[in-house]
């Protein structure tokens, strides 16, 4: 499969999302990874479940230095499952539901670890709830027949993982940046939710001719 074809299929599966910026970088990594994994015949659903396993291992001992690579592995495994499904032509409704469920489980564990290393409980909870609501809104829009969901916000899942990664590294180095990292993420998350909400309002306004 050519990279252009892969990108086109990925974009169609994600509501016509534009492939630029961080999305373009991630897809380049994802394309290379999925191509390599073809040789070992790892199924996309196994990768999805591995993402949860790594997140659980991270949450079991959140104060360990292992939490950092486990976060990376959790994001990576559950991030390339869709790409592997494209390569193996195994896209399915069950896989999509499993992936969405795994995302929420993994993220809840990521935020739990952020709390364990010192982030305020109210900030962690608020950010996670807003992030989950944003993802639910996207899924609900798809269920209501809105096919063009290609809006890319400042706080997509890789960005959320990146800020928790920064918090983990700062904690390991003894830097006082855990609260700041989560605070910035919270602000970006609020902006992102606002963008999705505005997109939803405009979509239904156009549908009803308002």
Foldseek 3Di string as FASTA:
>chain_A
DDLVVLVVVVCQVQQNADQDDPNVVVSVVLLVVLVVCVVVPDALLVLLVVLLVLLVVCLVCLLDPSVLVSLVSSCVSLVNSVSNCVVVVNDDPVSVVSSLVSLLNSLVSLLSSLVVLPADPVLSVLLSVLLNVLVVLLVVCVVVPNRRNNDDFPQDPVNSSVLSSVLSVCSVVVHPCSHVSSVVSSVSSVRRSVVSVVVVVVVVCVVVVD
